[in-house]
Amino acid sequence: MKKVLTALGVVTLALLILLGMSFRGATLPVTEDVPIALANPPRIAGVRISAIYAGRMESIAAFAYRGGGFGDKREFGMGAILVKHPQGNLLFDTGFGKDVDAHVKSMPFLLRATTSYTKEQTVAEQLAAAQVPLEDISRIVLTHAHWDHVSGIPDLDGVQIMVSQEEAAFIESDDPMAALIHGFGQLPIAPLNYREGPYLGFPNSFDVFGDGSVVMVPAPGHTPGSTITFVHTEDGKHYALVGDLVWQKEAIELPAERPWLPRVLVDKDPAAVRGQIVHMHRLQRMWPELVIVPAHDRRVWDTLPRFPQGFADPLPATPEDEGPGA
C-alpha cells in the first residue's frame, strides 16, 4: 500500500508540475502561409459603435494568456457592442441578463465553481432608459453562444438572432457549453451564409449591409461557429469584434494562447484557435489602426464610445459613401 501511495504522490506531483508549466510564457510561432490582402473600407455616414456594460468578473492575467501574471488582476467585462447603421442597428452579444443567477447554474460544475461575477444594469434596461425600443434593434449577432454572451437574450424578447450555420447547429446540440441558450427553447434564429469572397485573409465573408461597413468572417475554434466582425465607422475608425478568440489584448499582441486548463475547459478546437490568434496578430501588425476588441477586455472597451453616447444623435436621411478610410 505504501508503494501505491508513493506512486500516486509522484504522479500527482508530476501532473501539478506540468499544470504549472502550462501557465509559463510561450508565444505562438508566426507563419505567413496564408496571404492577407488589406481592405480599403468605406466611410458610410451614420455608422457608429458603442459599448454597453452589463456585468463583470474578477480574474487574473495568468488565466487569460500564457505568460500572464498571477498577481496581475483583471476585470473581465460582460456586455454588448451596439453598432448603429442607417439600414438597421446590430447588437453584438447580450451580456448578463436579469436572470443571470439562474443562468450560471447551467454551466459545467468546474466552470461554475470557479466563477465569481458581479451584475450590472442589463442591456435591455439600458436600452429602455435611453428610450431605444427593441424594435430599433434589427438583430442580435452572437460572436458565439456561450452562456455569458447569451444570458440577456430573454430580456430582448422577439429580436432576431443571427449566427453562423455552424453555431446554429451547436445551439441545437446537447453540448453542455450551449446548454443555456438551448434551454431557452424556440428562438428567432437566422443562420447566415458567408456568401462573399475572401476578406482580410479569411476564406469567405458576409457583408451584412452590402456596403462594406460591417463584414463578418468565420473564426471557428472557441466554438464551432465563432465569428469575427469588422466594423468601419463614419469617423474612419476600424474595429475587429473577436468575441472570445482571446480574453485579453496581450494574447493578440504576443501572440499567445490560453493556458492548458482554461483552454481545455472552453475551446472546442484549440489548434484552430491558435491559427486564428496568429492570423489576427499578423493583421494587427500590418494594420496598426485596427482596434481589436476582445469581448471581455474592459481596458479596450473603455476606449470605445459608451452607450448612449452618439447613439441618440439623428442619422442622415440618406447615407453617403464618404470615400476610403484612413
C-alpha atoms as a PDB file:
ATOM      1  CA  MET A   1       0.000   0.000   0.000  1.00  0.00           C
ATOM      2  CA  LYS A   2       2.875   2.350   0.860  1.00  0.00           C
ATOM      3  CA  LYS A   3       4.364   1.850  -2.608  1.00  0.00           C
ATOM      4  CA  VAL A   4       0.991   2.590  -4.233  1.00  0.00           C
ATOM      5  CA  LEU A   5       0.574   5.791  -2.236  1.00  0.00           C
ATOM      6  CA  THR A   6       4.120   6.840  -3.083  1.00  0.00           C
ATOM      7  CA  ALA A   7       3.479   6.212  -6.781  1.00  0.00           C
ATOM      8  CA  LEU A   8       0.250   8.195  -6.637  1.00  0.00           C
ATOM      9  CA  GLY A   9       2.104  11.028  -4.920  1.00  0.00           C
ATOM     10  CA  VAL A  10       4.774  11.062  -7.607  1.00  0.00           C
ATOM     11  CA  VAL A  11       2.176  11.061 -10.371  1.00  0.00           C
ATOM     12  CA  THR A  12       0.207  13.834  -8.671  1.00  0.00           C
ATOM     13  CA  LEU A  13       3.326  15.937  -8.234  1.00  0.00           C
ATOM     14  CA  ALA A  14       4.285  15.416 -11.866  1.00  0.00           C
ATOM     15  CA  LEU A  15       0.820  16.474 -13.018  1.00  0.00           C
ATOM     16  CA  LEU A  16       0.944  19.588 -10.847  1.00  0.00           C
ATOM     17  CA  ILE A  17       4.341  20.488 -12.295  1.00  0.00           C
ATOM     18  CA  LEU A  18       3.030  20.036 -15.831  1.00  0.00           C
ATOM     19  CA  LEU A  19      -0.028  22.123 -14.988  1.00  0.00           C
ATOM     20  CA  GLY A  20       2.154  24.879 -13.600  1.00  0.00           C
ATOM     21  CA  MET A  21       4.383  24.807 -16.682  1.00  0.00           C
ATOM     22  CA  SER A  22       1.335  25.331 -18.892  1.00  0.00           C
ATOM     23  CA  PHE A  23       0.994  28.849 -17.436  1.00  0.00           C
ATOM     24  CA  ARG A  24       4.561  29.808 -18.345  1.00  0.00           C
ATOM     25  CA  GLY A  25       5.042  32.339 -21.104  1.00  0.00           C
ATOM     26  CA  ALA A  26       5.151  30.820 -24.592  1.00  0.00           C
ATOM     27  CA  THR A  27       4.465  32.742 -27.768  1.00  0.00           C
ATOM     28  CA  LEU A  28       2.900  31.112 -30.789  1.00  0.00           C
ATOM     29  CA  PRO A  29       5.047  30.725 -33.907  1.00  0.00           C
ATOM     30  CA  VAL A  30       4.012  33.267 -36.527  1.00  0.00           C
ATOM     31  CA  THR A  31       3.855  31.792 -40.000  1.00  0.00           C
ATOM     32  CA  GLU A  32       2.793  33.688 -43.101  1.00  0.00           C
ATOM     33  CA  ASP A  33       1.481  30.826 -45.204  1.00  0.00           C
ATOM     34  CA  VAL A  34      -1.959  32.485 -45.518  1.00  0.00           C
ATOM     35  CA  PRO A  35      -1.771  35.686 -47.601  1.00  0.00           C
ATOM     36  CA  ILE A  36      -3.540  38.757 -46.201  1.00  0.00           C
ATOM     37  CA  ALA A  37      -4.735  41.455 -48.584  1.00  0.00           C
ATOM     38  CA  LEU A  38      -5.710  44.634 -46.754  1.00  0.00           C
ATOM     39  CA  ALA A  39      -9.136  46.086 -47.480  1.00  0.00           C
ATOM     40  CA  ASN A  40      -9.978  49.680 -48.374  1.00  0.00           C
ATOM     41  CA  PRO A  41     -13.048  50.136 -46.181  1.00  0.00           C
ATOM     42  CA  PRO A  42     -15.678  52.774 -46.935  1.00  0.00           C
ATOM     43  CA  ARG A  43     -16.780  55.547 -44.609  1.00  0.00           C
ATOM     44  CA  ILE A  44     -20.561  55.310 -44.501  1.00  0.00           C
ATOM     45  CA  ALA A  45     -22.329  58.235 -42.850  1.00  0.00           C
ATOM     46  CA  GLY A  46     -24.198  57.190 -39.717  1.00  0.00           C
ATOM     47  CA  VAL A  47     -22.202  54.041 -38.895  1.00  0.00           C
ATOM     48  CA  ARG A  48     -21.276  54.227 -35.202  1.00  0.00           C
ATOM     49  CA  ILE A  49     -20.245  51.906 -32.410  1.00  0.00           C
ATOM     50  CA  SER A  50     -20.841  51.981 -28.656  1.00  0.00           C
ATOM     51  CA  ALA A  51     -20.257  49.717 -25.672  1.00  0.00           C
ATOM     52  CA  ILE A  52     -22.930  48.623 -23.203  1.00  0.00           C
ATOM     53  CA  TYR A  53     -21.550  47.239 -19.919  1.00  0.00           C
ATOM     54  CA  ALA A  54     -23.738  44.576 -18.310  1.00  0.00           C
ATOM     55  CA  GLY A  55     -21.654  42.741 -15.723  1.00  0.00           C
ATOM     56  CA  ARG A  56     -18.128  41.759 -14.836  1.00  0.00           C
ATOM     57  CA  MET A  57     -15.950  39.015 -13.429  1.00  0.00           C
ATOM     58  CA  GLU A  58     -12.745  39.321 -11.445  1.00  0.00           C
ATOM     59  CA  SER A  59      -9.846  37.264 -12.748  1.00  0.00           C
ATOM     60  CA  ILE A  60      -6.084  37.386 -13.293  1.00  0.00           C
ATOM     61  CA  ALA A  61      -3.941  37.686 -16.397  1.00  0.00           C
ATOM     62  CA  ALA A  62      -2.447  34.228 -15.789  1.00  0.00           C
ATOM     63  CA  PHE A  63      -5.745  32.592 -16.720  1.00  0.00           C
ATOM     64  CA  ALA A  64      -6.189  34.722 -19.847  1.00  0.00           C
ATOM     65  CA  TYR A  65      -2.981  34.035 -21.765  1.00  0.00           C
ATOM     66  CA  ARG A  66       0.255  32.152 -21.354  1.00  0.00           C
ATOM     67  CA  GLY A  67       2.749  34.370 -19.582  1.00  0.00           C
ATOM     68  CA  GLY A  68       0.172  36.472 -17.758  1.00  0.00           C
ATOM     69  CA  GLY A  69       0.935  37.231 -14.113  1.00  0.00           C
ATOM     70  CA  PHE A  70      -0.824  35.557 -11.195  1.00  0.00           C
ATOM     71  CA  GLY A  71      -0.676  38.869  -9.341  1.00  0.00           C
ATOM     72  CA  ASP A  72      -1.997  40.845 -12.308  1.00  0.00           C
ATOM     73  CA  LYS A  73      -5.688  41.318 -11.520  1.00  0.00           C
ATOM     74  CA  ARG A  74      -8.003  41.778 -14.490  1.00  0.00           C
ATOM     75  CA  GLU A  75     -11.636  42.807 -14.831  1.00  0.00           C
ATOM     76  CA  PHE A  76     -13.395  40.660 -17.391  1.00  0.00           C
ATOM     77  CA  GLY A  77     -16.295  42.702 -18.705  1.00  0.00           C
ATOM     78  CA  MET A  78     -19.639  41.258 -19.790  1.00  0.00           C
ATOM     79  CA  GLY A  79     -21.737  43.292 -22.177  1.00  0.00           C
ATOM     80  CA  ALA A  80     -22.768  44.106 -25.720  1.00  0.00           C
ATOM     81  CA  ILE A  81     -21.456  46.173 -28.593  1.00  0.00           C
ATOM     82  CA  LEU A  82     -24.130  48.225 -30.348  1.00  0.00           C
ATOM     83  CA  VAL A  83     -23.486  49.130 -33.973  1.00  0.00           C
ATOM     84  CA  LYS A  84     -25.715  51.844 -35.365  1.00  0.00           C
ATOM     85  CA  HIS A  85     -26.277  51.766 -39.125  1.00  0.00           C
ATOM     86  CA  PRO A  86     -28.764  53.618 -41.353  1.00  0.00           C
ATOM     87  CA  GLN A  87     -30.158  50.252 -42.501  1.00  0.00           C
ATOM     88  CA  GLY A  88     -30.582  48.820 -39.004  1.00  0.00           C
ATOM     89  CA  ASN A  89     -28.930  48.506 -35.609  1.00  0.00           C
ATOM     90  CA  LEU A  90     -26.970  45.423 -34.567  1.00  0.00           C
ATOM     91  CA  LEU A  91     -26.374  44.244 -31.014  1.00  0.00           C
ATOM     92  CA  PHE A  92     -23.301  42.030 -30.710  1.00  0.00           C
ATOM     93  CA  ASP A  93     -23.830  39.632 -27.781  1.00  0.00           C
ATOM     94  CA  THR A  94     -26.058  40.457 -24.814  1.00  0.00           C
ATOM     95  CA  GLY A  95     -24.028  40.335 -21.592  1.00  0.00           C
ATOM     96  CA  PHE A  96     -25.615  39.281 -18.316  1.00  0.00           C
ATOM     97  CA  GLY A  97     -29.410  39.226 -18.231  1.00  0.00           C
ATOM     98  CA  LYS A  98     -31.735  39.799 -15.293  1.00  0.00           C
ATOM     99  CA  ASP A  99     -31.807  36.047 -14.561  1.00  0.00           C
ATOM    100  CA  VAL A 100     -28.032  35.584 -14.600  1.00  0.00           C
ATOM    101  CA  ASP A 101     -28.054  33.973 -11.136  1.00  0.00           C
ATOM    102  CA  ALA A 102     -30.116  31.109 -12.545  1.00  0.00           C
ATOM    103  CA  HIS A 103     -28.157  31.069 -15.793  1.00  0.00           C
ATOM    104  CA  VAL A 104     -24.840  30.450 -14.013  1.00  0.00           C
ATOM    105  CA  LYS A 105     -26.240  27.117 -12.842  1.00  0.00           C
ATOM    106  CA  SER A 106     -26.339  25.915 -16.460  1.00  0.00           C
ATOM    107  CA  MET A 107     -22.542  25.832 -16.631  1.00  0.00           C
ATOM    108  CA  PRO A 108     -20.490  22.670 -16.163  1.00  0.00           C
ATOM    109  CA  PHE A 109     -19.545  22.186 -12.492  1.00  0.00           C
ATOM    110  CA  LEU A 110     -15.874  23.158 -12.729  1.00  0.00           C
ATOM    111  CA  LEU A 111     -16.642  26.414 -14.520  1.00  0.00           C
ATOM    112  CA  ARG A 112     -19.465  27.158 -12.101  1.00  0.00           C
ATOM    113  CA  ALA A 113     -17.237  26.512  -9.099  1.00  0.00           C
ATOM    114  CA  THR A 114     -14.561  28.910 -10.330  1.00  0.00           C
ATOM    115  CA  THR A 115     -16.850  31.753 -11.419  1.00  0.00           C
ATOM    116  CA  SER A 116     -17.267  34.916  -9.357  1.00  0.00           C
ATOM    117  CA  TYR A 117     -19.341  37.623 -11.008  1.00  0.00           C
ATOM    118  CA  THR A 118     -20.989  40.968 -10.408  1.00  0.00           C
ATOM    119  CA  LYS A 119     -24.252  42.014 -12.018  1.00  0.00           C
ATOM    120  CA  GLU A 120     -24.767  45.437 -13.537  1.00  0.00           C
ATOM    121  CA  GLN A 121     -27.741  47.041 -15.256  1.00  0.00           C
ATOM    122  CA  THR A 122     -28.828  44.769 -18.108  1.00  0.00           C
ATOM    123  CA  VAL A 123     -28.613  45.698 -21.767  1.00  0.00           C
ATOM    124  CA  ALA A 124     -32.411  45.689 -22.014  1.00  0.00           C
ATOM    125  CA  GLU A 125     -32.700  48.044 -19.041  1.00  0.00           C
ATOM    126  CA  GLN A 126     -30.149  50.435 -20.505  1.00  0.00           C
ATOM    127  CA  LEU A 127     -31.880  50.460 -23.888  1.00  0.00           C
ATOM    128  CA  ALA A 128     -35.167  51.244 -22.160  1.00  0.00           C
ATOM    129  CA  ALA A 129     -33.580  54.008 -20.080  1.00  0.00           C
ATOM    130  CA  ALA A 130     -32.235  55.594 -23.276  1.00  0.00           C
ATOM    131  CA  GLN A 131     -35.717  55.259 -24.858  1.00  0.00           C
ATOM    132  CA  VAL A 132     -34.475  52.858 -27.511  1.00  0.00           C
ATOM    133  CA  PRO A 133     -37.325  50.411 -28.208  1.00  0.00           C
ATOM    134  CA  LEU A 134     -36.465  46.815 -29.020  1.00  0.00           C
ATOM    135  CA  GLU A 135     -37.994  47.398 -32.447  1.00  0.00           C
ATOM    136  CA  ASP A 136     -34.983  49.604 -33.181  1.00  0.00           C
ATOM    137  CA  ILE A 137     -32.636  46.618 -32.799  1.00  0.00           C
ATOM    138  CA  SER A 138     -32.635  44.762 -36.101  1.00  0.00           C
ATOM    139  CA  ARG A 139     -30.670  41.738 -34.949  1.00  0.00           C
ATOM    140  CA  ILE A 140     -28.669  40.277 -32.120  1.00  0.00           C
ATOM    141  CA  VAL A 141     -25.422  38.969 -33.596  1.00  0.00           C
ATOM    142  CA  LEU A 142     -23.738  36.333 -31.451  1.00  0.00           C
ATOM    143  CA  THR A 143     -19.955  36.109 -31.626  1.00  0.00           C
ATOM    144  CA  HIS A 144     -20.628  32.656 -30.170  1.00  0.00           C
ATOM    145  CA  ALA A 145     -23.254  31.000 -27.997  1.00  0.00           C
ATOM    146  CA  HIS A 146     -21.586  30.518 -24.604  1.00  0.00           C
ATOM    147  CA  TRP A 147     -23.720  31.361 -21.567  1.00  0.00           C
ATOM    148  CA  ASP A 148     -22.163  34.736 -20.710  1.00  0.00           C
ATOM    149  CA  HIS A 149     -22.846  36.041 -24.220  1.00  0.00           C
ATOM    150  CA  VAL A 150     -26.487  34.922 -24.378  1.00  0.00           C
ATOM    151  CA  SER A 151     -27.760  35.494 -20.821  1.00  0.00           C
ATOM    152  CA  GLY A 152     -29.548  38.691 -21.873  1.00  0.00           C
ATOM    153  CA  ILE A 153     -31.481  37.129 -24.775  1.00  0.00           C
ATOM    154  CA  PRO A 154     -34.730  36.516 -22.813  1.00  0.00           C
ATOM    155  CA  ASP A 155     -34.771  40.222 -21.859  1.00  0.00           C
ATOM    156  CA  LEU A 156     -34.681  41.113 -25.573  1.00  0.00           C
ATOM    157  CA  ASP A 157     -37.696  39.035 -26.495  1.00  0.00           C
ATOM    158  CA  GLY A 158     -38.547  38.905 -30.186  1.00  0.00           C
ATOM    159  CA  VAL A 159     -35.295  40.333 -31.588  1.00  0.00           C
ATOM    160  CA  GLN A 160     -33.961  38.135 -34.378  1.00  0.00           C
ATOM    161  CA  ILE A 161     -30.713  36.324 -33.582  1.00  0.00           C
ATOM    162  CA  MET A 162     -28.071  35.949 -36.277  1.00  0.00           C
ATOM    163  CA  VAL A 163     -25.380  33.282 -36.020  1.00  0.00           C
ATOM    164  CA  SER A 164     -23.369  31.199 -38.449  1.00  0.00           C
ATOM    165  CA  GLN A 165     -24.879  27.935 -39.620  1.00  0.00           C
ATOM    166  CA  GLU A 166     -22.261  26.019 -37.625  1.00  0.00           C
ATOM    167  CA  GLU A 167     -23.168  27.918 -34.463  1.00  0.00           C
ATOM    168  CA  ALA A 168     -26.871  27.304 -35.069  1.00  0.00           C
ATOM    169  CA  ALA A 169     -26.105  23.570 -35.115  1.00  0.00           C
ATOM    170  CA  PHE A 170     -24.057  23.971 -31.915  1.00  0.00           C
ATOM    171  CA  ILE A 171     -27.042  25.671 -30.256  1.00  0.00           C
ATOM    172  CA  GLU A 172     -29.316  22.798 -31.258  1.00  0.00           C
ATOM    173  CA  SER A 173     -26.878  20.175 -29.947  1.00  0.00           C
ATOM    174  CA  ASP A 174     -26.676  18.697 -26.459  1.00  0.00           C
ATOM    175  CA  ASP A 175     -23.225  20.200 -25.877  1.00  0.00           C
ATOM    176  CA  PRO A 176     -23.091  21.363 -22.215  1.00  0.00           C
ATOM    177  CA  MET A 177     -21.420  24.636 -23.259  1.00  0.00           C
ATOM    178  CA  ALA A 178     -24.565  25.513 -25.230  1.00  0.00           C
ATOM    179  CA  ALA A 179     -26.960  24.335 -22.531  1.00  0.00           C
ATOM    180  CA  LEU A 180     -28.232  27.779 -21.566  1.00  0.00           C
ATOM    181  CA  ILE A 181     -29.280  29.042 -24.979  1.00  0.00           C
ATOM    182  CA  HIS A 182     -30.517  25.563 -25.908  1.00  0.00           C
ATOM    183  CA  GLY A 183     -32.737  25.685 -22.831  1.00  0.00           C
ATOM    184  CA  PHE A 184     -34.338  28.947 -23.920  1.00  0.00           C
ATOM    185  CA  GLY A 185     -36.489  26.919 -26.334  1.00  0.00           C
ATOM    186  CA  GLN A 186     -37.615  28.162 -29.712  1.00  0.00           C
ATOM    187  CA  LEU A 187     -35.764  31.343 -30.646  1.00  0.00           C
ATOM    188  CA  PRO A 188     -35.934  33.537 -33.775  1.00  0.00           C
ATOM    189  CA  ILE A 189     -32.551  32.332 -35.038  1.00  0.00           C
ATOM    190  CA  ALA A 190     -31.480  33.204 -38.579  1.00  0.00           C
ATOM    191  CA  PRO A 191     -28.311  31.349 -39.684  1.00  0.00           C
ATOM    192  CA  LEU A 192     -26.126  33.389 -42.023  1.00  0.00           C
ATOM    193  CA  ASN A 193     -24.309  32.309 -45.156  1.00  0.00           C
ATOM    194  CA  TYR A 194     -20.808  33.520 -45.892  1.00  0.00           C
ATOM    195  CA  ARG A 195     -21.736  34.301 -49.472  1.00  0.00           C
ATOM    196  CA  GLU A 196     -18.977  36.814 -50.235  1.00  0.00           C
ATOM    197  CA  GLY A 197     -15.376  36.060 -51.100  1.00  0.00           C
ATOM    198  CA  PRO A 198     -12.118  36.383 -49.131  1.00  0.00           C
ATOM    199  CA  TYR A 199     -11.699  39.264 -46.720  1.00  0.00           C
ATOM    200  CA  LEU A 200      -8.505  40.259 -44.905  1.00  0.00           C
ATOM    201  CA  GLY A 201      -7.081  36.785 -45.388  1.00  0.00           C
ATOM    202  CA  PHE A 202     -10.189  34.912 -44.253  1.00  0.00           C
ATOM    203  CA  PRO A 203     -11.512  32.466 -46.877  1.00  0.00           C
ATOM    204  CA  ASN A 204     -15.012  33.938 -47.127  1.00  0.00           C
ATOM    205  CA  SER A 205     -17.179  36.625 -45.594  1.00  0.00           C
ATOM    206  CA  PHE A 206     -20.643  38.101 -45.141  1.00  0.00           C
ATOM    207  CA  ASP A 207     -21.186  41.802 -45.856  1.00  0.00           C
ATOM    208  CA  VAL A 208     -24.140  42.465 -43.543  1.00  0.00           C
ATOM    209  CA  PHE A 209     -25.440  45.649 -45.199  1.00  0.00           C
ATOM    210  CA  GLY A 210     -23.825  45.240 -48.604  1.00  0.00           C
ATOM    211  CA  ASP A 211     -21.781  48.431 -48.254  1.00  0.00           C
ATOM    212  CA  GLY A 212     -18.562  47.135 -46.671  1.00  0.00           C
ATOM    213  CA  SER A 213     -19.107  48.807 -43.298  1.00  0.00           C
ATOM    214  CA  VAL A 214     -19.892  45.638 -41.303  1.00  0.00           C
ATOM    215  CA  VAL A 215     -18.257  42.434 -42.524  1.00  0.00           C
ATOM    216  CA  MET A 216     -18.374  39.080 -40.733  1.00  0.00           C
ATOM    217  CA  VAL A 217     -15.875  36.250 -41.233  1.00  0.00           C
ATOM    218  CA  PRO A 218     -15.801  32.679 -39.905  1.00  0.00           C
ATOM    219  CA  ALA A 219     -13.448  32.097 -36.956  1.00  0.00           C
ATOM    220  CA  PRO A 220     -14.242  28.582 -35.677  1.00  0.00           C
ATOM    221  CA  GLY A 221     -12.313  27.144 -32.764  1.00  0.00           C
ATOM    222  CA  HIS A 222     -13.612  28.560 -29.495  1.00  0.00           C
ATOM    223  CA  THR A 223     -16.963  27.191 -30.616  1.00  0.00           C
ATOM    224  CA  PRO A 224     -17.740  25.501 -33.958  1.00  0.00           C
ATOM    225  CA  GLY A 225     -19.280  28.649 -35.423  1.00  0.00           C
ATOM    226  CA  SER A 226     -17.498  31.548 -33.721  1.00  0.00           C
ATOM    227  CA  THR A 227     -17.278  34.710 -35.812  1.00  0.00           C
ATOM    228  CA  ILE A 228     -15.198  37.857 -36.090  1.00  0.00           C
ATOM    229  CA  THR A 229     -16.841  41.060 -37.304  1.00  0.00           C
ATOM    230  CA  PHE A 230     -15.053  44.053 -38.777  1.00  0.00           C
ATOM    231  CA  VAL A 231     -16.819  47.385 -38.287  1.00  0.00           C
ATOM    232  CA  HIS A 232     -15.787  50.563 -40.124  1.00  0.00           C
ATOM    233  CA  THR A 233     -17.380  53.701 -38.702  1.00  0.00           C
ATOM    234  CA  GLU A 234     -18.244  57.060 -40.211  1.00  0.00           C
ATOM    235  CA  ASP A 235     -15.290  58.742 -38.488  1.00  0.00           C
ATOM    236  CA  GLY A 236     -12.773  56.480 -40.245  1.00  0.00           C
ATOM    237  CA  LYS A 237     -12.097  54.117 -37.340  1.00  0.00           C
ATOM    238  CA  HIS A 238     -11.836  50.357 -37.726  1.00  0.00           C
ATOM    239  CA  TYR A 239     -12.718  47.633 -35.229  1.00  0.00           C
ATOM    240  CA  ALA A 240     -12.496  43.840 -35.084  1.00  0.00           C
ATOM    241  CA  LEU A 241     -15.011  42.267 -32.677  1.00  0.00           C
ATOM    242  CA  VAL A 242     -13.235  38.981 -31.947  1.00  0.00           C
ATOM    243  CA  GLY A 243     -15.512  37.589 -29.232  1.00  0.00           C
ATOM    244  CA  ASP A 244     -13.641  35.056 -27.100  1.00  0.00           C
ATOM    245  CA  LEU A 245     -10.926  34.241 -29.585  1.00  0.00           C
ATOM    246  CA  VAL A 246      -8.822  35.817 -26.842  1.00  0.00           C
ATOM    247  CA  TRP A 247      -9.831  37.178 -23.455  1.00  0.00           C
ATOM    248  CA  GLN A 248      -7.236  39.955 -23.202  1.00  0.00           C
ATOM    249  CA  LYS A 249      -5.458  42.016 -25.844  1.00  0.00           C
ATOM    250  CA  GLU A 250      -1.978  40.729 -24.936  1.00  0.00           C
ATOM    251  CA  ALA A 251      -2.913  37.362 -26.421  1.00  0.00           C
ATOM    252  CA  ILE A 252      -3.046  39.009 -29.851  1.00  0.00           C
ATOM    253  CA  GLU A 253      -0.040  41.256 -29.287  1.00  0.00           C
ATOM    254  CA  LEU A 254       2.375  38.483 -28.200  1.00  0.00           C
ATOM    255  CA  PRO A 255       0.705  36.240 -29.641  1.00  0.00           C
ATOM    256  CA  ALA A 256      -0.195  33.632 -27.022  1.00  0.00           C
ATOM    257  CA  GLU A 257      -2.977  31.149 -26.377  1.00  0.00           C
ATOM    258  CA  ARG A 258      -4.815  30.399 -23.157  1.00  0.00           C
ATOM    259  CA  PRO A 259      -3.058  28.167 -20.610  1.00  0.00           C
ATOM    260  CA  TRP A 260      -3.840  24.463 -20.778  1.00  0.00           C
ATOM    261  CA  LEU A 261      -6.595  24.304 -18.137  1.00  0.00           C
ATOM    262  CA  PRO A 262      -8.852  27.130 -19.396  1.00  0.00           C
ATOM    263  CA  ARG A 263      -8.090  26.066 -22.963  1.00  0.00           C
ATOM    264  CA  VAL A 264      -9.367  22.557 -22.301  1.00  0.00           C
ATOM    265  CA  LEU A 265     -12.412  23.880 -20.488  1.00  0.00           C
ATOM    266  CA  VAL A 266     -13.617  26.397 -23.078  1.00  0.00           C
ATOM    267  CA  ASP A 267     -12.051  25.871 -26.531  1.00  0.00           C
ATOM    268  CA  LYS A 268     -13.692  23.345 -28.815  1.00  0.00           C
ATOM    269  CA  ASP A 269     -10.716  23.247 -31.223  1.00  0.00           C
ATOM    270  CA  PRO A 270      -7.549  24.706 -29.635  1.00  0.00           C
ATOM    271  CA  ALA A 271      -5.497  24.249 -32.810  1.00  0.00           C
ATOM    272  CA  ALA A 272      -7.994  26.330 -34.792  1.00  0.00           C
ATOM    273  CA  VAL A 273      -7.924  28.999 -32.072  1.00  0.00           C
ATOM    274  CA  ARG A 274      -4.145  29.161 -32.321  1.00  0.00           C
ATOM    275  CA  GLY A 275      -4.398  29.691 -36.071  1.00  0.00           C
ATOM    276  CA  GLN A 276      -6.941  32.494 -35.679  1.00  0.00           C
ATOM    277  CA  ILE A 277      -4.834  34.215 -32.996  1.00  0.00           C
ATOM    278  CA  VAL A 278      -1.776  34.203 -35.245  1.00  0.00           C
ATOM    279  CA  HIS A 279      -3.859  35.496 -38.151  1.00  0.00           C
ATOM    280  CA  MET A 280      -5.154  38.438 -36.101  1.00  0.00           C
ATOM    281  CA  HIS A 281      -1.649  39.118 -34.777  1.00  0.00           C
ATOM    282  CA  ARG A 282      -0.389  39.394 -38.355  1.00  0.00           C
ATOM    283  CA  LEU A 283      -3.327  41.587 -39.346  1.00  0.00           C
ATOM    284  CA  GLN A 284      -2.744  43.907 -36.375  1.00  0.00           C
ATOM    285  CA  ARG A 285       0.918  44.188 -37.303  1.00  0.00           C
ATOM    286  CA  MET A 286       0.031  45.072 -40.909  1.00  0.00           C
ATOM    287  CA  TRP A 287      -2.795  47.443 -39.933  1.00  0.00           C
ATOM    288  CA  PRO A 288      -1.933  49.190 -36.620  1.00  0.00           C
ATOM    289  CA  GLU A 289      -5.031  51.410 -36.803  1.00  0.00           C
ATOM    290  CA  LEU A 290      -7.284  48.361 -36.426  1.00  0.00           C
ATOM    291  CA  VAL A 291      -8.713  48.193 -32.890  1.00  0.00           C
ATOM    292  CA  ILE A 292      -9.092  44.555 -31.859  1.00  0.00           C
ATOM    293  CA  VAL A 293     -11.891  44.212 -29.307  1.00  0.00           C
ATOM    294  CA  PRO A 294     -11.916  41.031 -27.178  1.00  0.00           C
ATOM    295  CA  ALA A 295     -15.344  40.534 -25.648  1.00  0.00           C
ATOM    296  CA  HIS A 296     -14.008  40.597 -22.066  1.00  0.00           C
ATOM    297  CA  ASP A 297     -11.149  43.126 -22.054  1.00  0.00           C
ATOM    298  CA  ARG A 298     -12.554  46.160 -20.195  1.00  0.00           C
ATOM    299  CA  ARG A 299      -9.397  48.161 -20.947  1.00  0.00           C
ATOM    300  CA  VAL A 300     -10.204  48.046 -24.665  1.00  0.00           C
ATOM    301  CA  TRP A 301     -13.916  48.659 -24.074  1.00  0.00           C
ATOM    302  CA  ASP A 302     -13.042  51.766 -22.063  1.00  0.00           C
ATOM    303  CA  THR A 303     -11.625  53.288 -25.279  1.00  0.00           C
ATOM    304  CA  LEU A 304     -14.951  52.874 -27.106  1.00  0.00           C
ATOM    305  CA  PRO A 305     -17.857  55.337 -27.002  1.00  0.00           C
ATOM    306  CA  ARG A 306     -20.082  54.399 -24.059  1.00  0.00           C
ATOM    307  CA  PHE A 307     -23.779  53.906 -24.815  1.00  0.00           C
ATOM    308  CA  PRO A 308     -25.877  56.014 -25.298  1.00  0.00           C
ATOM    309  CA  GLN A 309     -23.113  58.404 -26.389  1.00  0.00           C
ATOM    310  CA  GLY A 310     -23.617  59.148 -30.086  1.00  0.00           C
ATOM    311  CA  PHE A 311     -26.477  56.686 -30.439  1.00  0.00           C
ATOM    312  CA  ALA A 312     -29.260  59.187 -29.734  1.00  0.00           C
ATOM    313  CA  ASP A 313     -27.980  61.633 -32.359  1.00  0.00           C
ATOM    314  CA  PRO A 314     -30.122  61.600 -35.524  1.00  0.00           C
ATOM    315  CA  LEU A 315     -28.692  59.865 -38.576  1.00  0.00           C
ATOM    316  CA  PRO A 316     -28.580  61.446 -42.028  1.00  0.00           C
ATOM    317  CA  ALA A 317     -31.696  60.724 -44.036  1.00  0.00           C
ATOM    318  CA  THR A 318     -29.606  59.245 -46.844  1.00  0.00           C
ATOM    319  CA  PRO A 319     -26.295  57.504 -46.067  1.00  0.00           C
ATOM    320  CA  GLU A 320     -23.422  58.576 -48.297  1.00  0.00           C
ATOM    321  CA  ASP A 321     -20.169  56.866 -49.069  1.00  0.00           C
ATOM    322  CA  GLU A 322     -17.533  59.332 -47.974  1.00  0.00           C
ATOM    323  CA  GLY A 323     -14.646  57.564 -49.691  1.00  0.00           C
ATOM    324  CA  PRO A 324     -11.994  55.176 -48.417  1.00  0.00           C
ATOM    325  CA  GLY A 325     -10.931  55.139 -44.789  1.00  0.00           C
ATOM    326  CA  ALA A 326      -7.618  56.346 -43.489  1.00  0.00           C
END
